[in-house]
Amino acid sequence: MLFRVLTIVIALFISACSSWVYRIDVPQGNYLEQKDIDKLQIGMTKEQVKYVLGSPVVEDAFNNDTWHYVYRFKSGRSDKFNSKKQFTITFENNKVVDAKGDFELPESYYVPMVN
């Protein structure tokens, strides 16, 4: 009888401990904020964009004039904290001609760069 009670107590203790396993948060990609996107303007060069946003995670292998900034956050605590953001910039003749994604473009974006 004592053996059965002890076995049940140990099993309950081990199962309770397994829910306390620490899982780390996993951020991957380019973390961008709206304040970074607010600095973009049509007509910026690739070097200027790289200075403002950093190097893109993905450069299109078939079209060197498209850059993809992708960010994914996987929470170790709960799926409700998981998030994904993406932003794509298109160049023509080494100048920004289009930008779109999960961020709002500022009004200043549409004012061409003066070079």
PDB file of N, CA and C in Angstrom:
ATOM      1  N   MET A   1       0.821  -1.191   0.000  1.00  0.00           N
ATOM      2  CA  MET A   1       0.000   0.000   0.000  1.00  0.00           C
ATOM      3  C   MET A   1       0.870   1.261   0.000  1.00  0.00           C
ATOM      4  N   LEU A   2       1.895   1.250   0.806  1.00  0.00           N
ATOM      5  CA  LEU A   2       2.799   2.390   0.889  1.00  0.00           C
ATOM      6  C   LEU A   2       3.496   2.611  -0.462  1.00  0.00           C
ATOM      7  N   PHE A   3       3.825   1.530  -1.140  1.00  0.00           N
ATOM      8  CA  PHE A   3       4.485   1.620  -2.450  1.00  0.00           C
ATOM      9  C   PHE A   3       3.579   2.317  -3.468  1.00  0.00           C
ATOM     10  N   ARG A   4       2.287   1.991  -3.475  1.00  0.00           N
ATOM     11  CA  ARG A   4       1.347   2.613  -4.405  1.00  0.00           C
ATOM     12  C   ARG A   4       1.186   4.105  -4.122  1.00  0.00           C
ATOM     13  N   VAL A   5       1.067   4.469  -2.881  1.00  0.00           N
ATOM     14  CA  VAL A   5       0.917   5.881  -2.505  1.00  0.00           C
ATOM     15  C   VAL A   5       2.176   6.650  -2.893  1.00  0.00           C
ATOM     16  N   LEU A   6       3.327   6.085  -2.612  1.00  0.00           N
ATOM     17  CA  LEU A   6       4.587   6.730  -2.951  1.00  0.00           C
ATOM     18  C   LEU A   6       4.727   6.881  -4.471  1.00  0.00           C
ATOM     19  N   THR A   7       4.320   5.893  -5.237  1.00  0.00           N
ATOM     20  CA  THR A   7       4.372   5.958  -6.693  1.00  0.00           C
ATOM     21  C   THR A   7       3.459   7.063  -7.220  1.00  0.00           C
ATOM     22  N   ILE A   8       2.274   7.179  -6.677  1.00  0.00           N
ATOM     23  CA  ILE A   8       1.335   8.217  -7.104  1.00  0.00           C
ATOM     24  C   ILE A   8       1.877   9.607  -6.760  1.00  0.00           C
ATOM     25  N   VAL A   9       2.435   9.764  -5.584  1.00  0.00           N
ATOM     26  CA  VAL A   9       3.000  11.052  -5.167  1.00  0.00           C
ATOM     27  C   VAL A   9       4.163  11.447  -6.086  1.00  0.00           C
ATOM     28  N   ILE A  10       5.036  10.522  -6.397  1.00  0.00           N
ATOM     29  CA  ILE A  10       6.169  10.809  -7.285  1.00  0.00           C
ATOM     30  C   ILE A  10       5.679  11.151  -8.685  1.00  0.00           C
ATOM     31  N   ALA A  11       4.691  10.426  -9.183  1.00  0.00           N
ATOM     32  CA  ALA A  11       4.147  10.697 -10.519  1.00  0.00           C
ATOM     33  C   ALA A  11       3.507  12.082 -10.566  1.00  0.00           C
ATOM     34  N   LEU A  12       2.765  12.458  -9.551  1.00  0.00           N
ATOM     35  CA  LEU A  12       2.165  13.791  -9.511  1.00  0.00           C
ATOM     36  C   LEU A  12       3.240  14.875  -9.423  1.00  0.00           C
ATOM     37  N   PHE A  13       4.272  14.645  -8.659  1.00  0.00           N
ATOM     38  CA  PHE A  13       5.352  15.617  -8.519  1.00  0.00           C
ATOM     39  C   PHE A  13       6.072  15.822  -9.849  1.00  0.00           C
ATOM     40  N   ILE A  14       6.366  14.739 -10.554  1.00  0.00           N
ATOM     41  CA  ILE A  14       7.069  14.830 -11.838  1.00  0.00           C
ATOM     42  C   ILE A  14       6.192  15.513 -12.883  1.00  0.00           C
ATOM     43  N   SER A  15       4.902  15.217 -12.916  1.00  0.00           N
ATOM     44  CA  SER A  15       4.023  15.847 -13.904  1.00  0.00           C
ATOM     45  C   SER A  15       3.844  17.334 -13.612  1.00  0.00           C
ATOM     46  N   ALA A  16       3.865  17.716 -12.356  1.00  0.00           N
ATOM     47  CA  ALA A  16       3.756  19.136 -12.008  1.00  0.00           C
ATOM     48  C   ALA A  16       5.012  19.888 -12.422  1.00  0.00           C
ATOM     49  N   CYS A  17       6.157  19.284 -12.303  1.00  0.00           N
ATOM     50  CA  CYS A  17       7.409  19.941 -12.678  1.00  0.00           C
ATOM     51  C   CYS A  17       7.540  20.123 -14.182  1.00  0.00           C
ATOM     52  N   SER A  18       6.945  19.242 -14.954  1.00  0.00           N
ATOM     53  CA  SER A  18       7.097  19.331 -16.403  1.00  0.00           C
ATOM     54  C   SER A  18       6.407  20.563 -16.977  1.00  0.00           C
ATOM     55  N   SER A  19       5.426  21.129 -16.277  1.00  0.00           N
ATOM     56  CA  SER A  19       4.771  22.329 -16.779  1.00  0.00           C
ATOM     57  C   SER A  19       5.589  23.583 -16.468  1.00  0.00           C
ATOM     58  N   TRP A  20       6.653  23.481 -15.741  1.00  0.00           N
ATOM     59  CA  TRP A  20       7.491  24.622 -15.389  1.00  0.00           C
ATOM     60  C   TRP A  20       8.735  24.698 -16.263  1.00  0.00           C
ATOM     61  N   VAL A  21       8.745  24.002 -17.363  1.00  0.00           N
ATOM     62  CA  VAL A  21       9.898  24.013 -18.251  1.00  0.00           C
ATOM     63  C   VAL A  21      10.010  25.407 -18.874  1.00  0.00           C
ATOM     64  N   TYR A  22      11.195  25.969 -18.840  1.00  0.00           N
ATOM     65  CA  TYR A  22      11.429  27.297 -19.406  1.00  0.00           C
ATOM     66  C   TYR A  22      11.667  27.177 -20.904  1.00  0.00           C
ATOM     67  N   ARG A  23      10.923  27.957 -21.667  1.00  0.00           N
ATOM     68  CA  ARG A  23      11.103  27.993 -23.109  1.00  0.00           C
ATOM     69  C   ARG A  23      11.501  29.416 -23.485  1.00  0.00           C
ATOM     70  N   ILE A  24      12.532  29.534 -24.314  1.00  0.00           N
ATOM     71  CA  ILE A  24      13.024  30.860 -24.668  1.00  0.00           C
ATOM     72  C   ILE A  24      12.210  31.473 -25.799  1.00  0.00           C
ATOM     73  N   ASP A  25      12.236  32.807 -25.869  1.00  0.00           N
ATOM     74  CA  ASP A  25      11.649  33.525 -26.990  1.00  0.00           C
ATOM     75  C   ASP A  25      12.629  33.446 -28.153  1.00  0.00           C
ATOM     76  N   VAL A  26      12.108  33.288 -29.363  1.00  0.00           N
ATOM     77  CA  VAL A  26      12.963  33.164 -30.543  1.00  0.00           C
ATOM     78  C   VAL A  26      12.622  34.275 -31.542  1.00  0.00           C
ATOM     79  N   PRO A  27      13.420  35.366 -31.551  1.00  0.00           N
ATOM     80  CA  PRO A  27      13.228  36.388 -32.579  1.00  0.00           C
ATOM     81  C   PRO A  27      14.110  36.082 -33.785  1.00  0.00           C
ATOM     82  N   GLN A  28      13.576  36.238 -34.992  1.00  0.00           N
ATOM     83  CA  GLN A  28      14.344  35.953 -36.207  1.00  0.00           C
ATOM     84  C   GLN A  28      14.072  37.039 -37.242  1.00  0.00           C
ATOM     85  N   GLY A  29      15.121  37.468 -37.922  1.00  0.00           N
ATOM     86  CA  GLY A  29      14.968  38.406 -39.025  1.00  0.00           C
ATOM     87  C   GLY A  29      15.309  39.830 -38.653  1.00  0.00           C
ATOM     88  N   ASN A  30      14.777  40.768 -39.453  1.00  0.00           N
ATOM     89  CA  ASN A  30      15.003  42.198 -39.262  1.00  0.00           C
ATOM     90  C   ASN A  30      13.889  42.777 -38.404  1.00  0.00           C
ATOM     91  N   TYR A  31      14.234  43.257 -37.211  1.00  0.00           N
ATOM     92  CA  TYR A  31      13.240  43.927 -36.373  1.00  0.00           C
ATOM     93  C   TYR A  31      13.163  45.376 -36.817  1.00  0.00           C
ATOM     94  N   LEU A  32      12.041  45.774 -37.372  1.00  0.00           N
ATOM     95  CA  LEU A  32      11.827  47.148 -37.809  1.00  0.00           C
ATOM     96  C   LEU A  32      10.753  47.792 -36.954  1.00  0.00           C
ATOM     97  N   GLU A  33      10.904  49.091 -36.760  1.00  0.00           N
ATOM     98  CA  GLU A  33       9.886  49.864 -36.057  1.00  0.00           C
ATOM     99  C   GLU A  33       9.347  50.922 -37.003  1.00  0.00           C
ATOM    100  N   GLN A  34       8.197  51.472 -36.666  1.00  0.00           N
ATOM    101  CA  GLN A  34       7.585  52.495 -37.513  1.00  0.00           C
ATOM    102  C   GLN A  34       8.510  53.691 -37.677  1.00  0.00           C
ATOM    103  N   LYS A  35       9.263  54.036 -36.635  1.00  0.00           N
ATOM    104  CA  LYS A  35      10.167  55.190 -36.730  1.00  0.00           C
ATOM    105  C   LYS A  35      11.252  54.971 -37.789  1.00  0.00           C
ATOM    106  N   ASP A  36      11.639  53.713 -38.034  1.00  0.00           N
ATOM    107  CA  ASP A  36      12.603  53.409 -39.094  1.00  0.00           C
ATOM    108  C   ASP A  36      11.963  53.607 -40.466  1.00  0.00           C
ATOM    109  N   ILE A  37      10.738  53.135 -40.616  1.00  0.00           N
ATOM    110  CA  ILE A  37      10.018  53.254 -41.880  1.00  0.00           C
ATOM    111  C   ILE A  37       9.747  54.732 -42.194  1.00  0.00           C
ATOM    112  N   ASP A  38       9.531  55.535 -41.146  1.00  0.00           N
ATOM    113  CA  ASP A  38       9.257  56.957 -41.339  1.00  0.00           C
ATOM    114  C   ASP A  38      10.420  57.699 -41.992  1.00  0.00           C
ATOM    115  N   LYS A  39      11.609  57.140 -41.983  1.00  0.00           N
ATOM    116  CA  LYS A  39      12.786  57.780 -42.576  1.00  0.00           C
ATOM    117  C   LYS A  39      12.932  57.498 -44.071  1.00  0.00           C
ATOM    118  N   LEU A  40      12.122  56.582 -44.605  1.00  0.00           N
ATOM    119  CA  LEU A  40      12.221  56.219 -46.025  1.00  0.00           C
ATOM    120  C   LEU A  40      11.592  57.282 -46.917  1.00  0.00           C
ATOM    121  N   GLN A  41      12.173  57.435 -48.126  1.00  0.00           N
ATOM    122  CA  GLN A  41      11.625  58.332 -49.138  1.00  0.00           C
ATOM    123  C   GLN A  41      11.839  57.720 -50.513  1.00  0.00           C
ATOM    124  N   ILE A  42      10.922  58.032 -51.416  1.00  0.00           N
ATOM    125  CA  ILE A  42      11.095  57.616 -52.813  1.00  0.00           C
ATOM    126  C   ILE A  42      12.373  58.273 -53.319  1.00  0.00           C
ATOM    127  N   GLY A  43      13.159  57.521 -54.074  1.00  0.00           N
ATOM    128  CA  GLY A  43      14.376  58.050 -54.657  1.00  0.00           C
ATOM    129  C   GLY A  43      15.628  57.772 -53.848  1.00  0.00           C
ATOM    130  N   MET A  44      15.470  57.163 -52.664  1.00  0.00           N
ATOM    131  CA  MET A  44      16.662  56.818 -51.881  1.00  0.00           C
ATOM    132  C   MET A  44      17.441  55.721 -52.606  1.00  0.00           C
ATOM    133  N   THR A  45      18.759  55.733 -52.450  1.00  0.00           N
ATOM    134  CA  THR A  45      19.593  54.692 -53.053  1.00  0.00           C
ATOM    135  C   THR A  45      19.587  53.451 -52.164  1.00  0.00           C
ATOM    136  N   LYS A  46      20.094  52.353 -52.690  1.00  0.00           N
ATOM    137  CA  LYS A  46      20.183  51.114 -51.916  1.00  0.00           C
ATOM    138  C   LYS A  46      21.053  51.312 -50.674  1.00  0.00           C
ATOM    139  N   GLU A  47      22.135  52.070 -50.815  1.00  0.00           N
ATOM    140  CA  GLU A  47      23.029  52.313 -49.683  1.00  0.00           C
ATOM    141  C   GLU A  47      22.327  53.115 -48.591  1.00  0.00           C
ATOM    142  N   GLN A  48      21.518  54.092 -48.989  1.00  0.00           N
ATOM    143  CA  GLN A  48      20.777  54.887 -48.008  1.00  0.00           C
ATOM    144  C   GLN A  48      19.745  54.031 -47.287  1.00  0.00           C
ATOM    145  N   VAL A  49      19.057  53.179 -48.014  1.00  0.00           N
ATOM    146  CA  VAL A  49      18.071  52.287 -47.391  1.00  0.00           C
ATOM    147  C   VAL A  49      18.767  51.323 -46.441  1.00  0.00           C
ATOM    148  N   LYS A  50      19.903  50.793 -46.850  1.00  0.00           N
ATOM    149  CA  LYS A  50      20.652  49.874 -46.002  1.00  0.00           C
ATOM    150  C   LYS A  50      21.119  50.575 -44.721  1.00  0.00           C
ATOM    151  N   TYR A  51      21.470  51.854 -44.816  1.00  0.00           N
ATOM    152  CA  TYR A  51      21.881  52.626 -43.645  1.00  0.00           C
ATOM    153  C   TYR A  51      20.711  52.812 -42.677  1.00  0.00           C
ATOM    154  N   VAL A  52      19.512  53.066 -43.214  1.00  0.00           N
ATOM    155  CA  VAL A  52      18.333  53.324 -42.383  1.00  0.00           C
ATOM    156  C   VAL A  52      17.758  52.035 -41.801  1.00  0.00           C
ATOM    157  N   LEU A  53      17.615  50.998 -42.620  1.00  0.00           N
ATOM    158  CA  LEU A  53      16.925  49.769 -42.190  1.00  0.00           C
ATOM    159  C   LEU A  53      17.854  48.588 -41.918  1.00  0.00           C
ATOM    160  N   GLY A  54      19.092  48.668 -42.375  1.00  0.00           N
ATOM    161  CA  GLY A  54      19.994  47.527 -42.261  1.00  0.00           C
ATOM    162  C   GLY A  54      19.881  46.649 -43.490  1.00  0.00           C
ATOM    163  N   SER A  55      20.688  45.624 -43.531  1.00  0.00           N
ATOM    164  CA  SER A  55      20.665  44.698 -44.667  1.00  0.00           C
ATOM    165  C   SER A  55      19.395  43.857 -44.630  1.00  0.00           C
ATOM    166  N   PRO A  56      18.793  43.604 -45.781  1.00  0.00           N
ATOM    167  CA  PRO A  56      17.571  42.803 -45.798  1.00  0.00           C
ATOM    168  C   PRO A  56      17.864  41.333 -45.503  1.00  0.00           C
ATOM    169  N   VAL A  57      16.871  40.656 -44.970  1.00  0.00           N
ATOM    170  CA  VAL A  57      17.003  39.220 -44.725  1.00  0.00           C
ATOM    171  C   VAL A  57      17.041  38.476 -46.048  1.00  0.00           C
ATOM    172  N   VAL A  58      16.223  38.921 -47.002  1.00  0.00           N
ATOM    173  CA  VAL A  58      16.110  38.217 -48.275  1.00  0.00           C
ATOM    174  C   VAL A  58      16.261  39.217 -49.423  1.00  0.00           C
ATOM    175  N   GLU A  59      17.208  38.943 -50.301  1.00  0.00           N
ATOM    176  CA  GLU A  59      17.298  39.658 -51.568  1.00  0.00           C
ATOM    177  C   GLU A  59      16.838  38.670 -52.632  1.00  0.00           C
ATOM    178  N   ASP A  60      15.884  39.084 -53.430  1.00  0.00           N
ATOM    179  CA  ASP A  60      15.324  38.210 -54.454  1.00  0.00           C
ATOM    180  C   ASP A  60      16.430  37.729 -55.396  1.00  0.00           C
ATOM    181  N   ALA A  61      16.585  36.428 -55.522  1.00  0.00           N
ATOM    182  CA  ALA A  61      17.646  35.849 -56.348  1.00  0.00           C
ATOM    183  C   ALA A  61      17.433  36.117 -57.836  1.00  0.00           C
ATOM    184  N   PHE A  62      16.183  36.278 -58.245  1.00  0.00           N
ATOM    185  CA  PHE A  62      15.883  36.484 -59.657  1.00  0.00           C
ATOM    186  C   PHE A  62      15.717  37.957 -60.008  1.00  0.00           C
ATOM    187  N   ASN A  63      15.502  38.785 -58.994  1.00  0.00           N
ATOM    188  CA  ASN A  63      15.316  40.217 -59.217  1.00  0.00           C
ATOM    189  C   ASN A  63      16.111  40.942 -58.134  1.00  0.00           C
ATOM    190  N   ASN A  64      17.303  41.395 -58.470  1.00  0.00           N
ATOM    191  CA  ASN A  64      18.198  42.031 -57.515  1.00  0.00           C
ATOM    192  C   ASN A  64      17.647  43.362 -57.009  1.00  0.00           C
ATOM    193  N   ASP A  65      16.562  43.840 -57.603  1.00  0.00           N
ATOM    194  CA  ASP A  65      15.991  45.125 -57.226  1.00  0.00           C
ATOM    195  C   ASP A  65      14.819  45.002 -56.255  1.00  0.00           C
ATOM    196  N   THR A  66      14.672  43.866 -55.599  1.00  0.00           N
ATOM    197  CA  THR A  66      13.618  43.678 -54.604  1.00  0.00           C
ATOM    198  C   THR A  66      14.239  43.173 -53.308  1.00  0.00           C
ATOM    199  N   TRP A  67      14.001  43.913 -52.244  1.00  0.00           N
ATOM    200  CA  TRP A  67      14.498  43.527 -50.923  1.00  0.00           C
ATOM    201  C   TRP A  67      13.319  43.218 -50.017  1.00  0.00           C
ATOM    202  N   HIS A  68      13.451  42.134 -49.251  1.00  0.00           N
ATOM    203  CA  HIS A  68      12.407  41.721 -48.320  1.00  0.00           C
ATOM    204  C   HIS A  68      12.951  41.781 -46.899  1.00  0.00           C
ATOM    205  N   TYR A  69      12.290  42.551 -46.060  1.00  0.00           N
ATOM    206  CA  TYR A  69      12.606  42.604 -44.631  1.00  0.00           C
ATOM    207  C   TYR A  69      11.525  41.805 -43.917  1.00  0.00           C
ATOM    208  N   VAL A  70      11.933  40.736 -43.254  1.00  0.00           N
ATOM    209  CA  VAL A  70      10.990  39.816 -42.609  1.00  0.00           C
ATOM    210  C   VAL A  70      11.398  39.651 -41.149  1.00  0.00           C
ATOM    211  N   TYR A  71      10.398  39.670 -40.256  1.00  0.00           N
ATOM    212  CA  TYR A  71      10.666  39.470 -38.834  1.00  0.00           C
ATOM    213  C   TYR A  71       9.619  38.512 -38.282  1.00  0.00           C
ATOM    214  N   ARG A  72      10.085  37.556 -37.494  1.00  0.00           N
ATOM    215  CA  ARG A  72       9.187  36.595 -36.861  1.00  0.00           C
ATOM    216  C   ARG A  72       9.585  36.453 -35.405  1.00  0.00           C
ATOM    217  N   PHE A  73       8.608  36.523 -34.517  1.00  0.00           N
ATOM    218  CA  PHE A  73       8.846  36.350 -33.086  1.00  0.00           C
ATOM    219  C   PHE A  73       8.020  35.172 -32.596  1.00  0.00           C
ATOM    220  N   LYS A  74       8.693  34.161 -32.054  1.00  0.00           N
ATOM    221  CA  LYS A  74       8.010  32.992 -31.482  1.00  0.00           C
ATOM    222  C   LYS A  74       8.221  33.030 -29.984  1.00  0.00           C
ATOM    223  N   SER A  75       7.148  33.206 -29.263  1.00  0.00           N
ATOM    224  CA  SER A  75       7.208  33.316 -27.815  1.00  0.00           C
ATOM    225  C   SER A  75       7.341  31.941 -27.169  1.00  0.00           C
ATOM    226  N   GLY A  76       8.137  31.876 -26.136  1.00  0.00           N
ATOM    227  CA  GLY A  76       8.274  30.642 -25.384  1.00  0.00           C
ATOM    228  C   GLY A  76       7.168  30.472 -24.361  1.00  0.00           C
ATOM    229  N   ARG A  77       6.414  31.542 -24.108  1.00  0.00           N
ATOM    230  CA  ARG A  77       5.361  31.488 -23.096  1.00  0.00           C
ATOM    231  C   ARG A  77       4.006  31.091 -23.653  1.00  0.00           C
ATOM    232  N   SER A  78       3.597  31.787 -24.735  1.00  0.00           N
ATOM    233  CA  SER A  78       2.259  31.545 -25.254  1.00  0.00           C
ATOM    234  C   SER A  78       2.191  31.941 -26.726  1.00  0.00           C
ATOM    235  N   ASP A  79       1.360  31.243 -27.473  1.00  0.00           N
ATOM    236  CA  ASP A  79       1.204  31.549 -28.897  1.00  0.00           C
ATOM    237  C   ASP A  79       0.564  32.911 -29.125  1.00  0.00           C
ATOM    238  N   LYS A  80      -0.123  33.454 -28.137  1.00  0.00           N
ATOM    239  CA  LYS A  80      -0.767  34.760 -28.329  1.00  0.00           C
ATOM    240  C   LYS A  80       0.255  35.887 -28.456  1.00  0.00           C
ATOM    241  N   PHE A  81       1.507  35.646 -28.067  1.00  0.00           N
ATOM    242  CA  PHE A  81       2.558  36.651 -28.198  1.00  0.00           C
ATOM    243  C   PHE A  81       3.335  36.520 -29.507  1.00  0.00           C
ATOM    244  N   ASN A  82       3.081  35.494 -30.284  1.00  0.00           N
ATOM    245  CA  ASN A  82       3.775  35.306 -31.560  1.00  0.00           C
ATOM    246  C   ASN A  82       3.397  36.424 -32.527  1.00  0.00           C
ATOM    247  N   SER A  83       4.359  36.834 -33.362  1.00  0.00           N
ATOM    248  CA  SER A  83       4.067  37.870 -34.345  1.00  0.00           C
ATOM    249  C   SER A  83       4.946  37.711 -35.575  1.00  0.00           C
ATOM    250  N   LYS A  84       4.454  38.265 -36.687  1.00  0.00           N
ATOM    251  CA  LYS A  84       5.189  38.279 -37.953  1.00  0.00           C
ATOM    252  C   LYS A  84       5.005  39.657 -38.573  1.00  0.00           C
ATOM    253  N   LYS A  85       6.080  40.189 -39.148  1.00  0.00           N
ATOM    254  CA  LYS A  85       6.022  41.460 -39.872  1.00  0.00           C
ATOM    255  C   LYS A  85       6.864  41.312 -41.125  1.00  0.00           C
ATOM    256  N   GLN A  86       6.418  41.934 -42.195  1.00  0.00           N
ATOM    257  CA  GLN A  86       7.199  41.911 -43.428  1.00  0.00           C
ATOM    258  C   GLN A  86       7.098  43.265 -44.119  1.00  0.00           C
ATOM    259  N   PHE A  87       8.145  43.600 -44.860  1.00  0.00           N
ATOM    260  CA  PHE A  87       8.194  44.861 -45.580  1.00  0.00           C
ATOM    261  C   PHE A  87       9.045  44.638 -46.822  1.00  0.00           C
ATOM    262  N   THR A  88       8.553  45.060 -47.968  1.00  0.00           N
ATOM    263  CA  THR A  88       9.239  44.845 -49.241  1.00  0.00           C
ATOM    264  C   THR A  88       9.531  46.188 -49.895  1.00  0.00           C
ATOM    265  N   ILE A  89      10.771  46.340 -50.351  1.00  0.00           N
ATOM    266  CA  ILE A  89      11.185  47.556 -51.047  1.00  0.00           C
ATOM    267  C   ILE A  89      11.615  47.178 -52.458  1.00  0.00           C
ATOM    268  N   THR A  90      11.127  47.940 -53.439  1.00  0.00           N
ATOM    269  CA  THR A  90      11.472  47.705 -54.835  1.00  0.00           C
ATOM    270  C   THR A  90      12.276  48.895 -55.353  1.00  0.00           C
ATOM    271  N   PHE A  91      13.350  48.567 -56.063  1.00  0.00           N
ATOM    272  CA  PHE A  91      14.232  49.587 -56.631  1.00  0.00           C
ATOM    273  C   PHE A  91      14.151  49.546 -58.153  1.00  0.00           C
ATOM    274  N   GLU A  92      14.448  50.688 -58.756  1.00  0.00           N
ATOM    275  CA  GLU A  92      14.608  50.774 -60.203  1.00  0.00           C
ATOM    276  C   GLU A  92      15.739  51.766 -60.446  1.00  0.00           C
ATOM    277  N   ASN A  93      16.756  51.327 -61.177  1.00  0.00           N
ATOM    278  CA  ASN A  93      17.958  52.145 -61.399  1.00  0.00           C
ATOM    279  C   ASN A  93      18.591  52.582 -60.081  1.00  0.00           C
ATOM    280  N   ASN A  94      18.652  51.659 -59.122  1.00  0.00           N
ATOM    281  CA  ASN A  94      19.277  51.878 -57.813  1.00  0.00           C
ATOM    282  C   ASN A  94      18.531  52.898 -56.951  1.00  0.00           C
ATOM    283  N   LYS A  95      17.257  53.185 -57.241  1.00  0.00           N
ATOM    284  CA  LYS A  95      16.457  54.142 -56.469  1.00  0.00           C
ATOM    285  C   LYS A  95      15.159  53.476 -56.031  1.00  0.00           C
ATOM    286  N   VAL A  96      14.689  53.828 -54.836  1.00  0.00           N
ATOM    287  CA  VAL A  96      13.423  53.288 -54.318  1.00  0.00           C
ATOM    288  C   VAL A  96      12.271  53.789 -55.178  1.00  0.00           C
ATOM    289  N   VAL A  97      11.450  52.856 -55.659  1.00  0.00           N
ATOM    290  CA  VAL A  97      10.260  53.223 -56.427  1.00  0.00           C
ATOM    291  C   VAL A  97       8.971  52.731 -55.759  1.00  0.00           C
ATOM    292  N   ASP A  98       9.089  51.747 -54.854  1.00  0.00           N
ATOM    293  CA  ASP A  98       7.892  51.209 -54.204  1.00  0.00           C
ATOM    294  C   ASP A  98       8.277  50.573 -52.870  1.00  0.00           C
ATOM    295  N   ALA A  99       7.398  50.699 -51.919  1.00  0.00           N
ATOM    296  CA  ALA A  99       7.576  50.055 -50.619  1.00  0.00           C
ATOM    297  C   ALA A  99       6.194  49.671 -50.102  1.00  0.00           C
ATOM    298  N   LYS A 100       6.095  48.471 -49.545  1.00  0.00           N
ATOM    299  CA  LYS A 100       4.802  48.011 -49.027  1.00  0.00           C
ATOM    300  C   LYS A 100       5.039  46.929 -47.988  1.00  0.00           C
ATOM    301  N   GLY A 101       4.041  46.758 -47.144  1.00  0.00           N
ATOM    302  CA  GLY A 101       4.146  45.722 -46.130  1.00  0.00           C
ATOM    303  C   GLY A 101       3.282  46.040 -44.924  1.00  0.00           C
ATOM    304  N   ASP A 102       3.720  45.564 -43.767  1.00  0.00           N
ATOM    305  CA  ASP A 102       2.940  45.670 -42.541  1.00  0.00           C
ATOM    306  C   ASP A 102       3.146  46.992 -41.789  1.00  0.00           C
ATOM    307  N   PHE A 103       3.722  47.982 -42.444  1.00  0.00           N
ATOM    308  CA  PHE A 103       3.937  49.284 -41.827  1.00  0.00           C
ATOM    309  C   PHE A 103       3.248  50.353 -42.671  1.00  0.00           C
ATOM    310  N   GLU A 104       2.898  51.455 -42.031  1.00  0.00           N
ATOM    311  CA  GLU A 104       2.267  52.563 -42.726  1.00  0.00           C
ATOM    312  C   GLU A 104       3.347  53.501 -43.255  1.00  0.00           C
ATOM    313  N   LEU A 105       3.250  53.856 -44.524  1.00  0.00           N
ATOM    314  CA  LEU A 105       4.213  54.776 -45.118  1.00  0.00           C
ATOM    315  C   LEU A 105       3.850  56.212 -44.738  1.00  0.00           C
ATOM    316  N   PRO A 106       4.837  57.012 -44.326  1.00  0.00           N
ATOM    317  CA  PRO A 106       4.551  58.402 -43.949  1.00  0.00           C
ATOM    318  C   PRO A 106       4.312  59.261 -45.190  1.00  0.00           C
ATOM    319  N   GLU A 107       3.722  60.442 -44.992  1.00  0.00           N
ATOM    320  CA  GLU A 107       3.504  61.350 -46.116  1.00  0.00           C
ATOM    321  C   GLU A 107       4.829  61.780 -46.722  1.00  0.00           C
ATOM    322  N   SER A 108       5.867  61.900 -45.912  1.00  0.00           N
ATOM    323  CA  SER A 108       7.177  62.326 -46.408  1.00  0.00           C
ATOM    324  C   SER A 108       7.797  61.291 -47.347  1.00  0.00           C
ATOM    325  N   TYR A 109       7.285  60.063 -47.320  1.00  0.00           N
ATOM    326  CA  TYR A 109       7.797  59.023 -48.212  1.00  0.00           C
ATOM    327  C   TYR A 109       7.614  59.424 -49.676  1.00  0.00           C
ATOM    328  N   TYR A 110       6.515  60.088 -49.975  1.00  0.00           N
ATOM    329  CA  TYR A 110       6.174  60.406 -51.355  1.00  0.00           C
ATOM    330  C   TYR A 110       6.894  61.676 -51.878  1.00  0.00           C
ATOM    331  N   VAL A 111       7.671  62.330 -51.026  1.00  0.00           N
ATOM    332  CA  VAL A 111       8.466  63.480 -51.456  1.00  0.00           C
ATOM    333  C   VAL A 111       9.803  62.934 -51.942  1.00  0.00           C
ATOM    334  N   PRO A 112      10.131  63.092 -53.229  1.00  0.00           N
ATOM    335  CA  PRO A 112      11.376  62.514 -53.766  1.00  0.00           C
ATOM    336  C   PRO A 112      12.621  63.092 -53.100  1.00  0.00           C
ATOM    337  N   MET A 113      13.648  62.267 -52.986  1.00  0.00           N
ATOM    338  CA  MET A 113      14.946  62.689 -52.465  1.00  0.00           C
ATOM    339  C   MET A 113      15.566  63.676 -53.444  1.00  0.00           C
ATOM    340  N   VAL A 114      16.182  64.726 -52.924  1.00  0.00           N
ATOM    341  CA  VAL A 114      16.878  65.692 -53.772  1.00  0.00           C
ATOM    342  C   VAL A 114      18.358  65.314 -53.768  1.00  0.00           C
ATOM    343  N   ASN A 115      18.883  64.973 -54.927  1.00  0.00           N
ATOM    344  CA  ASN A 115      20.303  64.591 -55.023  1.00  0.00           C
ATOM    345  C   ASN A 115      21.073  65.584 -55.836  1.00  0.00           C
TER     346      ASN A 115
END
